[in-house]
Amino acid sequence: MATLERGYSITLLPPVPGVRARSFLAGSEDEDRLLFFDAPGYHPKVIAQSPGGYISIAALIRGDRRYVIATTEFKPGFNAAPASLRLYPLDGQENPPSHPIVDLPYTHRIAVHRHQGRDYLLASTLCAAKSHKDDWGQPGGIHLAEIPEDLAQPWRMRQIVTGLNKNHGMDFARLGRSGQPGYLLSAMEGLFFMPLPANHDGAWPLEQISAEETSDAVAFDWDGDGEPEVFSISPFHGHVLSVHRRTAAGWTRAVIDDDLAFGHIVWAGELLGAPALLAGSRRGRREMRLYRPDGRGGVHPAYALIDEGIGPSQMNVVAHDAHSASLYVAAHGCNEVRIYEFAA
C-alpha cells in the first residue's frame, strides 16, 4: 500500500455498514510519516511528517468527525523520554494542525474504549524514566484519562497501575465464560489481566496469569469450550510462543514453539472458518506464521508460512466471512504497509 521507513504501528477505523474495505492508519517509529488510508481508494494521505516516533495509534470517532491519537517521539533504542500524545483530525487537508494531549515519557501503547457512554484513553509506559538504555529500575504502568466532550479541553490523566517494566503489550480481551472485558498487560513482571471496573474512577485490580516475563498476548476460545485461552510471546521480544489455560487450580502454560526470532506480535481468532493463530518475528527470517488446531483442542506445532522477510511489528485481521479475510500489516522489516487478502 505504501513505503514507510521503519513502519511500526497500524490500526483500523470502525467498520462502515455495508462496506467491506476498512479505513486504517500506519505510522513510522523513526523519522517517517503518519499515514491515513481511507477506504475504498486507499490513496495514502499524510497526517503528519514530524516529529516521528508514531509507535502507537488509536482511532477516535466523534459524531461524523474522525481523529487519530498518536504516540509521538518514541524513537528506536528506547529513545522516548520526550514522548507525548497528540490528537490529529483525519477529515480535511494533509498535515493538519494537531492538538497536544499530554507529555508522557516512554508511552508504548495506547487504546481508546467506550464505557457507559463515555470515551476513555488508556496509555501504557515501558518505564517512568531511564538513566541509560538498559535501565529498568524505574517502572512504568498504565495511565487513564476520560476523553472530554470538548477535545480542546485538558485531558486529565492519572496512573491506575504502577510497578510495570517493559510493558510491551496492552491488548483488549474478554476472559472467562462471562466474557469479562479488559486488557492483557505483558511486562517484565509477568502477564496480567486488567478487567474493566464498573467505576473507572476507582481502583483497577489485576489478575496475574503468568509470572514469566511477557512481550505480547491475545485471548481467544481456541477449543470452543466457552473459556478463552491466552496466547503469548515471551520473554520481552522473545522466542517462546505459549498458550495459557485457566483451570480450577489456576492458570497453566504450555509451549507451542520456542524458535521465534525477536517475536513481536501475536493474534488469534477465526480465519477462513477455523481457529487460527498468527505469530510475527522481526529477526531471523522475519516471518509471519499461521498455526491451526491439532484436532485435540490444542495447537498443531507444524505451521504454514504466510510470508517472510517482512518483520511484522503490528497487524489487524478482519474476517469478512468463512471464505475471506484481510490482514493489515506494518511490515517493519521491509519498510512497507501491506494488506494480505485470504480466500478459501
C-alpha atoms as a PDB file:
ATOM      1  CA  MET A   1       0.000   0.000   0.000  1.00  0.00           C
ATOM      2  CA  ALA A   2       2.931   2.347   0.691  1.00  0.00           C
ATOM      3  CA  THR A   3       6.595   2.558   1.550  1.00  0.00           C
ATOM      4  CA  LEU A   4       7.091   3.573   5.174  1.00  0.00           C
ATOM      5  CA  GLU A   5      10.548   3.607   6.743  1.00  0.00           C
ATOM      6  CA  ARG A   6      10.509   1.502   9.931  1.00  0.00           C
ATOM      7  CA  GLY A   7       6.724   1.258   9.710  1.00  0.00           C
ATOM      8  CA  TYR A   8       5.654   0.167  13.176  1.00  0.00           C
ATOM      9  CA  SER A   9       2.048   0.962  14.101  1.00  0.00           C
ATOM     10  CA  ILE A  10      -1.204   0.142  12.353  1.00  0.00           C
ATOM     11  CA  THR A  11      -4.824   0.498  13.430  1.00  0.00           C
ATOM     12  CA  LEU A  12      -8.235   0.170  11.803  1.00  0.00           C
ATOM     13  CA  LEU A  13     -11.114   2.597  11.922  1.00  0.00           C
ATOM     14  CA  PRO A  14     -14.532   1.165  12.862  1.00  0.00           C
ATOM     15  CA  PRO A  15     -16.377  -0.598  10.036  1.00  0.00           C
ATOM     16  CA  VAL A  16     -18.882   1.244   7.861  1.00  0.00           C
ATOM     17  CA  PRO A  17     -22.125  -0.753   7.420  1.00  0.00           C
ATOM     18  CA  GLY A  18     -22.252  -2.415   4.029  1.00  0.00           C
ATOM     19  CA  VAL A  19     -18.628  -1.566   3.175  1.00  0.00           C
ATOM     20  CA  ARG A  20     -16.110  -4.419   3.125  1.00  0.00           C
ATOM     21  CA  ALA A  21     -12.926  -2.331   2.979  1.00  0.00           C
ATOM     22  CA  ARG A  22     -11.670  -0.768   6.231  1.00  0.00           C
ATOM     23  CA  SER A  23     -10.009   2.611   6.536  1.00  0.00           C
ATOM     24  CA  PHE A  24      -6.781   2.446   8.531  1.00  0.00           C
ATOM     25  CA  LEU A  25      -3.674   4.313   9.676  1.00  0.00           C
ATOM     26  CA  ALA A  26       0.004   3.392   9.812  1.00  0.00           C
ATOM     27  CA  GLY A  27       2.940   5.169  11.416  1.00  0.00           C
ATOM     28  CA  SER A  28       6.733   5.081  11.444  1.00  0.00           C
ATOM     29  CA  GLU A  29       8.690   4.641  14.654  1.00  0.00           C
ATOM     30  CA  ASP A  30      11.514   6.721  13.192  1.00  0.00           C
ATOM     31  CA  GLU A  31      11.568   9.950  11.152  1.00  0.00           C
ATOM     32  CA  ASP A  32       8.974   8.938   8.539  1.00  0.00           C
ATOM     33  CA  ARG A  33       5.278   9.803   8.361  1.00  0.00           C
ATOM     34  CA  LEU A  34       1.909   9.028   9.909  1.00  0.00           C
ATOM     35  CA  LEU A  35      -0.352   7.923   7.031  1.00  0.00           C
ATOM     36  CA  PHE A  36      -4.132   7.603   6.616  1.00  0.00           C
ATOM     37  CA  PHE A  37      -5.591   5.135   4.104  1.00  0.00           C
ATOM     38  CA  ASP A  38      -9.255   5.946   3.573  1.00  0.00           C
ATOM     39  CA  ALA A  39     -11.342   3.139   2.071  1.00  0.00           C
ATOM     40  CA  PRO A  40     -12.038   2.195  -0.586  1.00  0.00           C
ATOM     41  CA  GLY A  41      -9.477   4.183  -2.596  1.00  0.00           C
ATOM     42  CA  TYR A  42      -6.636   3.811  -0.077  1.00  0.00           C
ATOM     43  CA  HIS A  43      -4.603   6.700  -1.504  1.00  0.00           C
ATOM     44  CA  PRO A  44      -2.161   7.423   1.356  1.00  0.00           C
ATOM     45  CA  LYS A  45      -2.792  10.788   2.978  1.00  0.00           C
ATOM     46  CA  VAL A  46      -0.070  12.352   5.106  1.00  0.00           C
ATOM     47  CA  ILE A  47      -1.404  13.198   8.545  1.00  0.00           C
ATOM     48  CA  ALA A  48       1.979  14.174   9.976  1.00  0.00           C
ATOM     49  CA  GLN A  49       5.551  14.469   8.676  1.00  0.00           C
ATOM     50  CA  SER A  50       7.114  15.136  12.063  1.00  0.00           C
ATOM     51  CA  PRO A  51       8.128  14.621  14.837  1.00  0.00           C
ATOM     52  CA  GLY A  52       8.026  10.873  14.018  1.00  0.00           C
ATOM     53  CA  GLY A  53       8.116   8.052  16.530  1.00  0.00           C
ATOM     54  CA  TYR A  54       4.451   7.112  15.942  1.00  0.00           C
ATOM     55  CA  ILE A  55       4.794   3.839  17.807  1.00  0.00           C
ATOM     56  CA  SER A  56       1.135   3.528  18.822  1.00  0.00           C
ATOM     57  CA  ILE A  57      -2.027   4.991  17.282  1.00  0.00           C
ATOM     58  CA  ALA A  58      -5.725   4.762  18.138  1.00  0.00           C
ATOM     59  CA  ALA A  59      -8.775   5.989  16.231  1.00  0.00           C
ATOM     60  CA  LEU A  60     -11.357   8.247  17.869  1.00  0.00           C
ATOM     61  CA  ILE A  61     -14.783   8.892  16.339  1.00  0.00           C
ATOM     62  CA  ARG A  62     -16.880  11.848  17.488  1.00  0.00           C
ATOM     63  CA  GLY A  63     -20.171  12.084  15.626  1.00  0.00           C
ATOM     64  CA  ASP A  64     -19.258  12.367  11.956  1.00  0.00           C
ATOM     65  CA  ARG A  65     -15.691  13.524  12.705  1.00  0.00           C
ATOM     66  CA  ARG A  66     -12.715  11.148  12.643  1.00  0.00           C
ATOM     67  CA  TYR A  67      -9.482  11.584  14.601  1.00  0.00           C
ATOM     68  CA  VAL A  68      -6.364   9.672  15.497  1.00  0.00           C
ATOM     69  CA  ILE A  69      -4.499   9.784  18.793  1.00  0.00           C
ATOM     70  CA  ALA A  70      -0.790   9.092  18.289  1.00  0.00           C
ATOM     71  CA  THR A  71       2.193   8.494  20.499  1.00  0.00           C
ATOM     72  CA  THR A  72       4.958  10.704  19.094  1.00  0.00           C
ATOM     73  CA  GLU A  73       8.737  10.817  19.559  1.00  0.00           C
ATOM     74  CA  PHE A  74       9.155   7.194  20.621  1.00  0.00           C
ATOM     75  CA  LYS A  75      12.292   6.525  18.604  1.00  0.00           C
ATOM     76  CA  PRO A  76      14.360   3.309  18.165  1.00  0.00           C
ATOM     77  CA  GLY A  77      16.584   2.241  21.022  1.00  0.00           C
ATOM     78  CA  PHE A  78      14.010   3.236  23.672  1.00  0.00           C
ATOM     79  CA  ASN A  79      14.763   6.866  22.905  1.00  0.00           C
ATOM     80  CA  ALA A  80      11.428   8.038  24.252  1.00  0.00           C
ATOM     81  CA  ALA A  81      11.974  10.458  27.120  1.00  0.00           C
ATOM     82  CA  PRO A  82      10.297  13.269  25.085  1.00  0.00           C
ATOM     83  CA  ALA A  83       7.312  11.084  24.060  1.00  0.00           C
ATOM     84  CA  SER A  84       3.942  12.806  24.006  1.00  0.00           C
ATOM     85  CA  LEU A  85       0.392  12.103  22.852  1.00  0.00           C
ATOM     86  CA  ARG A  86      -1.216  14.257  20.171  1.00  0.00           C
ATOM     87  CA  LEU A  87      -4.638  14.390  18.513  1.00  0.00           C
ATOM     88  CA  TYR A  88      -4.893  14.734  14.711  1.00  0.00           C
ATOM     89  CA  PRO A  89      -8.067  15.290  12.639  1.00  0.00           C
ATOM     90  CA  LEU A  90      -8.427  12.916   9.689  1.00  0.00           C
ATOM     91  CA  ASP A  91     -11.112  14.659   7.619  1.00  0.00           C
ATOM     92  CA  GLY A  92      -9.550  17.575   5.824  1.00  0.00           C
ATOM     93  CA  GLN A  93      -6.221  18.670   4.436  1.00  0.00           C
ATOM     94  CA  GLU A  94      -2.907  16.856   4.654  1.00  0.00           C
ATOM     95  CA  ASN A  95      -0.609  17.736   7.570  1.00  0.00           C
ATOM     96  CA  PRO A  96      -3.454  19.161   9.662  1.00  0.00           C
ATOM     97  CA  PRO A  97      -2.777  21.091  12.862  1.00  0.00           C
ATOM     98  CA  SER A  98      -2.584  18.770  15.859  1.00  0.00           C
ATOM     99  CA  HIS A  99      -3.666  19.197  19.461  1.00  0.00           C
ATOM    100  CA  PRO A 100      -1.299  18.252  22.302  1.00  0.00           C
ATOM    101  CA  ILE A 101      -2.894  15.893  24.815  1.00  0.00           C
ATOM    102  CA  VAL A 102      -0.169  15.160  27.355  1.00  0.00           C
ATOM    103  CA  ASP A 103       3.588  14.682  27.673  1.00  0.00           C
ATOM    104  CA  LEU A 104       4.005  11.083  28.822  1.00  0.00           C
ATOM    105  CA  PRO A 105       7.561   9.703  28.526  1.00  0.00           C
ATOM    106  CA  TYR A 106       8.048   6.140  27.257  1.00  0.00           C
ATOM    107  CA  THR A 107       4.413   5.671  26.188  1.00  0.00           C
ATOM    108  CA  HIS A 108       4.499   2.448  24.196  1.00  0.00           C
ATOM    109  CA  ARG A 109       0.834   1.502  23.712  1.00  0.00           C
ATOM    110  CA  ILE A 110      -2.430   3.432  23.709  1.00  0.00           C
ATOM    111  CA  ALA A 111      -6.066   2.375  23.333  1.00  0.00           C
ATOM    112  CA  VAL A 112      -9.466   4.069  23.196  1.00  0.00           C
ATOM    113  CA  HIS A 113     -12.517   2.358  24.605  1.00  0.00           C
ATOM    114  CA  ARG A 114     -16.082   3.363  25.355  1.00  0.00           C
ATOM    115  CA  HIS A 115     -17.647   2.551  28.716  1.00  0.00           C
ATOM    116  CA  GLN A 116     -21.124   3.508  29.889  1.00  0.00           C
ATOM    117  CA  GLY A 117     -21.412   6.179  27.208  1.00  0.00           C
ATOM    118  CA  ARG A 118     -18.017   7.767  27.939  1.00  0.00           C
ATOM    119  CA  ASP A 119     -14.774   7.578  25.957  1.00  0.00           C
ATOM    120  CA  TYR A 120     -11.511   6.774  27.727  1.00  0.00           C
ATOM    121  CA  LEU A 121      -7.865   6.799  26.709  1.00  0.00           C
ATOM    122  CA  LEU A 122      -5.501   4.178  28.143  1.00  0.00           C
ATOM    123  CA  ALA A 123      -1.731   4.583  27.846  1.00  0.00           C
ATOM    124  CA  SER A 124       0.957   2.126  28.935  1.00  0.00           C
ATOM    125  CA  THR A 125       4.519   3.213  29.645  1.00  0.00           C
ATOM    126  CA  LEU A 126       7.579   0.958  29.414  1.00  0.00           C
ATOM    127  CA  CYS A 127       9.157   2.780  32.353  1.00  0.00           C
ATOM    128  CA  ALA A 128       8.951   6.100  34.152  1.00  0.00           C
ATOM    129  CA  ALA A 129      12.486   7.215  33.264  1.00  0.00           C
ATOM    130  CA  LYS A 130      15.898   5.867  32.217  1.00  0.00           C
ATOM    131  CA  SER A 131      19.472   6.733  33.127  1.00  0.00           C
ATOM    132  CA  HIS A 132      20.684   4.573  30.202  1.00  0.00           C
ATOM    133  CA  LYS A 133      19.182   2.235  27.584  1.00  0.00           C
ATOM    134  CA  ASP A 134      19.211  -0.889  29.779  1.00  0.00           C
ATOM    135  CA  ASP A 135      17.940   0.823  32.936  1.00  0.00           C
ATOM    136  CA  TRP A 136      14.733  -0.933  34.014  1.00  0.00           C
ATOM    137  CA  GLY A 137      14.806   0.207  37.621  1.00  0.00           C
ATOM    138  CA  GLN A 138      12.199   2.954  37.257  1.00  0.00           C
ATOM    139  CA  PRO A 139       8.889   1.173  36.495  1.00  0.00           C
ATOM    140  CA  GLY A 140       6.113   2.492  34.329  1.00  0.00           C
ATOM    141  CA  GLY A 141       2.479   1.449  34.312  1.00  0.00           C
ATOM    142  CA  ILE A 142      -0.979   2.198  32.941  1.00  0.00           C
ATOM    143  CA  HIS A 143      -2.458   5.694  32.728  1.00  0.00           C
ATOM    144  CA  LEU A 144      -6.105   6.653  32.157  1.00  0.00           C
ATOM    145  CA  ALA A 145      -7.957   9.769  31.005  1.00  0.00           C
ATOM    146  CA  GLU A 146     -11.611  10.353  30.319  1.00  0.00           C
ATOM    147  CA  ILE A 147     -11.731  11.996  26.900  1.00  0.00           C
ATOM    148  CA  PRO A 148     -13.533  15.345  27.287  1.00  0.00           C
ATOM    149  CA  GLU A 149     -16.542  16.249  25.173  1.00  0.00           C
ATOM    150  CA  ASP A 150     -14.642  19.327  24.029  1.00  0.00           C
ATOM    151  CA  LEU A 151     -11.435  17.780  22.719  1.00  0.00           C
ATOM    152  CA  ALA A 152      -9.583  21.078  23.132  1.00  0.00           C
ATOM    153  CA  GLN A 153     -10.074  20.946  26.909  1.00  0.00           C
ATOM    154  CA  PRO A 154      -7.431  19.314  29.184  1.00  0.00           C
ATOM    155  CA  TRP A 155      -7.281  15.519  29.171  1.00  0.00           C
ATOM    156  CA  ARG A 156      -6.712  14.743  32.850  1.00  0.00           C
ATOM    157  CA  MET A 157      -4.596  11.589  33.147  1.00  0.00           C
ATOM    158  CA  ARG A 158      -3.954   9.556  36.263  1.00  0.00           C
ATOM    159  CA  GLN A 159      -1.905   6.412  36.790  1.00  0.00           C
ATOM    160  CA  ILE A 160      -4.095   3.395  37.572  1.00  0.00           C
ATOM    161  CA  VAL A 161      -1.420   0.657  37.557  1.00  0.00           C
ATOM    162  CA  THR A 162       2.135   1.009  38.851  1.00  0.00           C
ATOM    163  CA  GLY A 163       5.208  -1.200  39.006  1.00  0.00           C
ATOM    164  CA  LEU A 164       5.368  -2.465  35.411  1.00  0.00           C
ATOM    165  CA  ASN A 165       8.594  -2.538  33.388  1.00  0.00           C
ATOM    166  CA  LYS A 166       8.879  -3.303  29.664  1.00  0.00           C
ATOM    167  CA  ASN A 167       5.076  -3.082  29.434  1.00  0.00           C
ATOM    168  CA  HIS A 168       5.154  -4.029  25.756  1.00  0.00           C
ATOM    169  CA  GLY A 169       1.626  -5.342  25.199  1.00  0.00           C
ATOM    170  CA  MET A 170      -1.771  -3.883  26.127  1.00  0.00           C
ATOM    171  CA  ASP A 171      -4.384  -5.898  24.240  1.00  0.00           C
ATOM    172  CA  PHE A 172      -8.179  -5.828  24.628  1.00  0.00           C
ATOM    173  CA  ALA A 173      -9.549  -9.213  25.656  1.00  0.00           C
ATOM    174  CA  ARG A 174     -12.609 -10.960  27.034  1.00  0.00           C
ATOM    175  CA  LEU A 175     -11.884 -13.684  29.579  1.00  0.00           C
ATOM    176  CA  GLY A 176     -13.965 -16.232  31.440  1.00  0.00           C
ATOM    177  CA  ARG A 177     -17.243 -17.770  30.399  1.00  0.00           C
ATOM    178  CA  SER A 178     -18.947 -14.456  31.093  1.00  0.00           C
ATOM    179  CA  GLY A 179     -16.714 -12.661  28.578  1.00  0.00           C
ATOM    180  CA  GLN A 180     -15.362 -10.171  31.124  1.00  0.00           C
ATOM    181  CA  PRO A 181     -13.870  -7.268  29.123  1.00  0.00           C
ATOM    182  CA  GLY A 182     -10.442  -5.908  29.979  1.00  0.00           C
ATOM    183  CA  TYR A 183      -6.844  -5.682  28.825  1.00  0.00           C
ATOM    184  CA  LEU A 184      -3.978  -8.153  28.797  1.00  0.00           C
ATOM    185  CA  LEU A 185      -0.794  -6.497  30.060  1.00  0.00           C
ATOM    186  CA  SER A 186       2.558  -8.013  29.080  1.00  0.00           C
ATOM    187  CA  ALA A 187       5.510  -6.905  31.172  1.00  0.00           C
ATOM    188  CA  MET A 188       8.784  -7.904  32.798  1.00  0.00           C
ATOM    189  CA  GLU A 189       6.824  -8.745  35.964  1.00  0.00           C
ATOM    190  CA  GLY A 190       4.553 -11.178  34.108  1.00  0.00           C
ATOM    191  CA  LEU A 191       1.327 -11.473  32.151  1.00  0.00           C
ATOM    192  CA  PHE A 192      -1.744  -9.858  33.718  1.00  0.00           C
ATOM    193  CA  PHE A 193      -5.433  -9.334  33.010  1.00  0.00           C
ATOM    194  CA  MET A 194      -6.842  -5.922  33.926  1.00  0.00           C
ATOM    195  CA  PRO A 195     -10.662  -6.208  33.905  1.00  0.00           C
ATOM    196  CA  LEU A 196     -12.642  -3.050  33.251  1.00  0.00           C
ATOM    197  CA  PRO A 197     -14.160  -1.970  36.580  1.00  0.00           C
ATOM    198  CA  ALA A 198     -17.738  -0.741  36.776  1.00  0.00           C
ATOM    199  CA  ASN A 199     -16.422   2.535  38.173  1.00  0.00           C
ATOM    200  CA  HIS A 200     -13.494   3.809  36.104  1.00  0.00           C
ATOM    201  CA  ASP A 201     -12.790   6.458  38.740  1.00  0.00           C
ATOM    202  CA  GLY A 202     -11.971   3.813  41.326  1.00  0.00           C
ATOM    203  CA  ALA A 203      -9.369   1.042  41.638  1.00  0.00           C
ATOM    204  CA  TRP A 204      -8.238  -1.097  38.707  1.00  0.00           C
ATOM    205  CA  PRO A 205      -7.316  -4.567  40.037  1.00  0.00           C
ATOM    206  CA  LEU A 206      -5.021  -7.018  38.221  1.00  0.00           C
ATOM    207  CA  GLU A 207      -5.154 -10.803  37.856  1.00  0.00           C
ATOM    208  CA  GLN A 208      -1.786 -12.462  37.230  1.00  0.00           C
ATOM    209  CA  ILE A 209      -1.867 -15.145  34.543  1.00  0.00           C
ATOM    210  CA  SER A 210       1.863 -15.894  34.485  1.00  0.00           C
ATOM    211  CA  ALA A 211       4.944 -14.717  36.386  1.00  0.00           C
ATOM    212  CA  GLU A 212       7.090 -15.152  33.268  1.00  0.00           C
ATOM    213  CA  GLU A 213       8.314 -12.000  31.527  1.00  0.00           C
ATOM    214  CA  THR A 214       5.924 -11.498  28.605  1.00  0.00           C
ATOM    215  CA  SER A 215       6.056  -9.394  25.450  1.00  0.00           C
ATOM    216  CA  ASP A 216       2.585  -9.619  23.889  1.00  0.00           C
ATOM    217  CA  ALA A 217      -0.642 -11.594  24.338  1.00  0.00           C
ATOM    218  CA  VAL A 218      -4.086 -12.190  22.879  1.00  0.00           C
ATOM    219  CA  ALA A 219      -7.176 -14.099  24.061  1.00  0.00           C
ATOM    220  CA  PHE A 220      -9.402 -16.438  22.028  1.00  0.00           C
ATOM    221  CA  ASP A 221     -11.560 -19.501  22.755  1.00  0.00           C
ATOM    222  CA  TRP A 222      -9.415 -21.926  20.762  1.00  0.00           C
ATOM    223  CA  ASP A 223     -11.161 -25.191  21.663  1.00  0.00           C
ATOM    224  CA  GLY A 224     -14.727 -23.846  21.753  1.00  0.00           C
ATOM    225  CA  ASP A 225     -15.421 -24.762  25.384  1.00  0.00           C
ATOM    226  CA  GLY A 226     -16.540 -21.241  26.320  1.00  0.00           C
ATOM    227  CA  GLU A 227     -13.355 -20.433  28.278  1.00  0.00           C
ATOM    228  CA  PRO A 228     -10.924 -18.333  26.222  1.00  0.00           C
ATOM    229  CA  GLU A 229      -7.271 -19.309  26.144  1.00  0.00           C
ATOM    230  CA  VAL A 230      -4.483 -16.702  26.231  1.00  0.00           C
ATOM    231  CA  PHE A 231      -1.635 -16.906  23.711  1.00  0.00           C
ATOM    232  CA  SER A 232       1.632 -15.124  24.458  1.00  0.00           C
ATOM    233  CA  ILE A 233       5.153 -14.339  23.292  1.00  0.00           C
ATOM    234  CA  SER A 234       7.863 -14.409  25.947  1.00  0.00           C
ATOM    235  CA  PRO A 235      10.203 -13.088  27.218  1.00  0.00           C
ATOM    236  CA  PHE A 236      10.476  -9.443  26.083  1.00  0.00           C
ATOM    237  CA  HIS A 237      10.858  -9.539  22.261  1.00  0.00           C
ATOM    238  CA  GLY A 238      11.228 -13.246  22.907  1.00  0.00           C
ATOM    239  CA  HIS A 239      11.390 -16.629  21.177  1.00  0.00           C
ATOM    240  CA  VAL A 240       8.672 -18.613  23.008  1.00  0.00           C
ATOM    241  CA  LEU A 241       5.083 -18.912  21.790  1.00  0.00           C
ATOM    242  CA  SER A 242       2.770 -20.296  24.501  1.00  0.00           C
ATOM    243  CA  VAL A 243      -0.858 -20.979  25.350  1.00  0.00           C
ATOM    244  CA  HIS A 244      -2.287 -20.339  28.827  1.00  0.00           C
ATOM    245  CA  ARG A 245      -5.416 -22.120  30.076  1.00  0.00           C
ATOM    246  CA  ARG A 246      -7.460 -21.374  33.187  1.00  0.00           C
ATOM    247  CA  THR A 247      -8.149 -24.434  35.351  1.00  0.00           C
ATOM    248  CA  ALA A 248      -9.709 -24.988  38.770  1.00  0.00           C
ATOM    249  CA  ALA A 249      -6.194 -24.799  40.216  1.00  0.00           C
ATOM    250  CA  GLY A 250      -5.255 -21.621  38.340  1.00  0.00           C
ATOM    251  CA  TRP A 251      -3.573 -20.782  35.048  1.00  0.00           C
ATOM    252  CA  THR A 252      -1.381 -23.344  33.259  1.00  0.00           C
ATOM    253  CA  ARG A 253       1.095 -22.713  30.442  1.00  0.00           C
ATOM    254  CA  ALA A 254       2.136 -24.930  27.522  1.00  0.00           C
ATOM    255  CA  VAL A 255       4.799 -24.061  24.944  1.00  0.00           C
ATOM    256  CA  ILE A 256       3.695 -24.167  21.298  1.00  0.00           C
ATOM    257  CA  ASP A 257       7.039 -23.172  19.740  1.00  0.00           C
ATOM    258  CA  ASP A 258      10.349 -21.873  21.049  1.00  0.00           C
ATOM    259  CA  ASP A 259      12.140 -20.720  17.903  1.00  0.00           C
ATOM    260  CA  LEU A 260      10.681 -17.290  17.192  1.00  0.00           C
ATOM    261  CA  ALA A 261      13.289 -14.627  16.456  1.00  0.00           C
ATOM    262  CA  PHE A 262      12.511 -11.302  18.164  1.00  0.00           C
ATOM    263  CA  GLY A 263       8.868 -12.376  18.452  1.00  0.00           C
ATOM    264  CA  HIS A 264       6.834  -9.208  18.275  1.00  0.00           C
ATOM    265  CA  ILE A 265       3.155  -9.745  17.549  1.00  0.00           C
ATOM    266  CA  VAL A 266       0.549 -12.457  18.118  1.00  0.00           C
ATOM    267  CA  TRP A 267      -3.106 -12.748  17.062  1.00  0.00           C
ATOM    268  CA  ALA A 268      -5.739 -15.485  17.441  1.00  0.00           C
ATOM    269  CA  GLY A 269      -9.270 -15.762  16.074  1.00  0.00           C
ATOM    270  CA  GLU A 270     -11.440 -17.241  13.347  1.00  0.00           C
ATOM    271  CA  LEU A 271      -9.781 -17.214   9.927  1.00  0.00           C
ATOM    272  CA  LEU A 272     -11.465 -18.802   6.898  1.00  0.00           C
ATOM    273  CA  GLY A 273     -13.927 -20.675   9.095  1.00  0.00           C
ATOM    274  CA  ALA A 274     -11.466 -22.218  11.548  1.00  0.00           C
ATOM    275  CA  PRO A 275      -9.355 -21.164  14.548  1.00  0.00           C
ATOM    276  CA  ALA A 276      -6.046 -19.561  13.594  1.00  0.00           C
ATOM    277  CA  LEU A 277      -3.003 -18.321  15.464  1.00  0.00           C
ATOM    278  CA  LEU A 278      -0.629 -15.819  13.828  1.00  0.00           C
ATOM    279  CA  ALA A 279       2.834 -15.019  15.177  1.00  0.00           C
ATOM    280  CA  GLY A 280       5.277 -12.499  13.723  1.00  0.00           C
ATOM    281  CA  SER A 281       9.055 -12.192  14.186  1.00  0.00           C
ATOM    282  CA  ARG A 282      11.285  -9.232  13.401  1.00  0.00           C
ATOM    283  CA  ARG A 283      14.631 -11.042  13.153  1.00  0.00           C
ATOM    284  CA  GLY A 284      15.907 -14.205  11.502  1.00  0.00           C
ATOM    285  CA  ARG A 285      13.574 -14.978   8.628  1.00  0.00           C
ATOM    286  CA  ARG A 286      11.352 -12.070   9.737  1.00  0.00           C
ATOM    287  CA  GLU A 287       8.319 -14.237   9.130  1.00  0.00           C
ATOM    288  CA  MET A 288       4.595 -14.386   9.736  1.00  0.00           C
ATOM    289  CA  ARG A 289       3.450 -17.854  10.804  1.00  0.00           C
ATOM    290  CA  LEU A 290      -0.019 -19.412  10.744  1.00  0.00           C
ATOM    291  CA  TYR A 291      -0.858 -22.183  13.233  1.00  0.00           C
ATOM    292  CA  ARG A 292      -4.014 -24.317  13.139  1.00  0.00           C
ATOM    293  CA  PRO A 293      -5.745 -26.734  15.608  1.00  0.00           C
ATOM    294  CA  ASP A 294      -4.309 -30.207  16.151  1.00  0.00           C
ATOM    295  CA  GLY A 295      -7.749 -31.853  16.372  1.00  0.00           C
ATOM    296  CA  ARG A 296      -7.421 -32.489  20.120  1.00  0.00           C
ATOM    297  CA  GLY A 297      -8.131 -28.980  21.385  1.00  0.00           C
ATOM    298  CA  GLY A 298      -4.512 -27.884  21.098  1.00  0.00           C
ATOM    299  CA  VAL A 299      -2.318 -26.066  18.559  1.00  0.00           C
ATOM    300  CA  HIS A 300      -0.545 -28.081  15.864  1.00  0.00           C
ATOM    301  CA  PRO A 301       3.182 -27.295  16.008  1.00  0.00           C
ATOM    302  CA  ALA A 302       3.527 -27.504  12.213  1.00  0.00           C
ATOM    303  CA  TYR A 303       2.844 -24.032  10.854  1.00  0.00           C
ATOM    304  CA  ALA A 304       2.228 -22.504   7.440  1.00  0.00           C
ATOM    305  CA  LEU A 305       4.340 -19.556   6.363  1.00  0.00           C
ATOM    306  CA  ILE A 306       2.229 -16.585   5.294  1.00  0.00           C
ATOM    307  CA  ASP A 307       5.294 -14.582   4.321  1.00  0.00           C
ATOM    308  CA  GLU A 308       8.929 -13.998   5.246  1.00  0.00           C
ATOM    309  CA  GLY A 309      11.336 -11.083   5.076  1.00  0.00           C
ATOM    310  CA  ILE A 310       8.634  -8.670   6.264  1.00  0.00           C
ATOM    311  CA  GLY A 311       9.368  -8.358  10.012  1.00  0.00           C
ATOM    312  CA  PRO A 312       5.794  -7.561  11.111  1.00  0.00           C
ATOM    313  CA  SER A 313       5.567  -5.207  14.087  1.00  0.00           C
ATOM    314  CA  GLN A 314       1.771  -4.766  14.345  1.00  0.00           C
ATOM    315  CA  MET A 315      -1.218  -6.251  12.500  1.00  0.00           C
ATOM    316  CA  ASN A 316      -5.002  -6.316  12.332  1.00  0.00           C
ATOM    317  CA  VAL A 317      -7.182  -9.124  10.980  1.00  0.00           C
ATOM    318  CA  VAL A 318     -10.681  -8.703   9.569  1.00  0.00           C
ATOM    319  CA  ALA A 319     -12.660 -11.890   8.892  1.00  0.00           C
ATOM    320  CA  HIS A 320     -15.300 -10.967   6.321  1.00  0.00           C
ATOM    321  CA  ASP A 321     -16.947 -14.405   6.356  1.00  0.00           C
ATOM    322  CA  ALA A 322     -15.940 -18.082   6.424  1.00  0.00           C
ATOM    323  CA  HIS A 323     -14.386 -17.743   2.973  1.00  0.00           C
ATOM    324  CA  SER A 324     -12.480 -14.451   3.005  1.00  0.00           C
ATOM    325  CA  ALA A 325     -10.385 -12.255   5.284  1.00  0.00           C
ATOM    326  CA  SER A 326      -7.942  -9.338   5.182  1.00  0.00           C
ATOM    327  CA  LEU A 327      -4.681  -8.950   7.083  1.00  0.00           C
ATOM    328  CA  TYR A 328      -3.338  -5.407   7.606  1.00  0.00           C
ATOM    329  CA  VAL A 329       0.381  -5.340   8.435  1.00  0.00           C
ATOM    330  CA  ALA A 330       3.007  -2.798   9.400  1.00  0.00           C
ATOM    331  CA  ALA A 331       5.886  -4.646   7.714  1.00  0.00           C
ATOM    332  CA  HIS A 332       8.735  -3.085   9.680  1.00  0.00           C
ATOM    333  CA  GLY A 333      11.339  -5.452   8.212  1.00  0.00           C
ATOM    334  CA  CYS A 334      10.805  -4.306   4.622  1.00  0.00           C
ATOM    335  CA  ASN A 335       9.631  -0.714   5.281  1.00  0.00           C
ATOM    336  CA  GLU A 336       6.154  -1.248   3.837  1.00  0.00           C
ATOM    337  CA  VAL A 337       2.480  -1.099   4.726  1.00  0.00           C
ATOM    338  CA  ARG A 338       0.719  -4.175   3.349  1.00  0.00           C
ATOM    339  CA  ILE A 339      -2.711  -5.788   3.030  1.00  0.00           C
ATOM    340  CA  TYR A 340      -2.940  -9.539   2.519  1.00  0.00           C
ATOM    341  CA  GLU A 341      -6.206 -10.967   1.161  1.00  0.00           C
ATOM    342  CA  PHE A 342      -7.211 -14.539   2.062  1.00  0.00           C
ATOM    343  CA  ALA A 343      -9.768 -16.671   0.258  1.00  0.00           C
ATOM    344  CA  ALA A 344     -10.969 -20.249   0.670  1.00  0.00           C
END
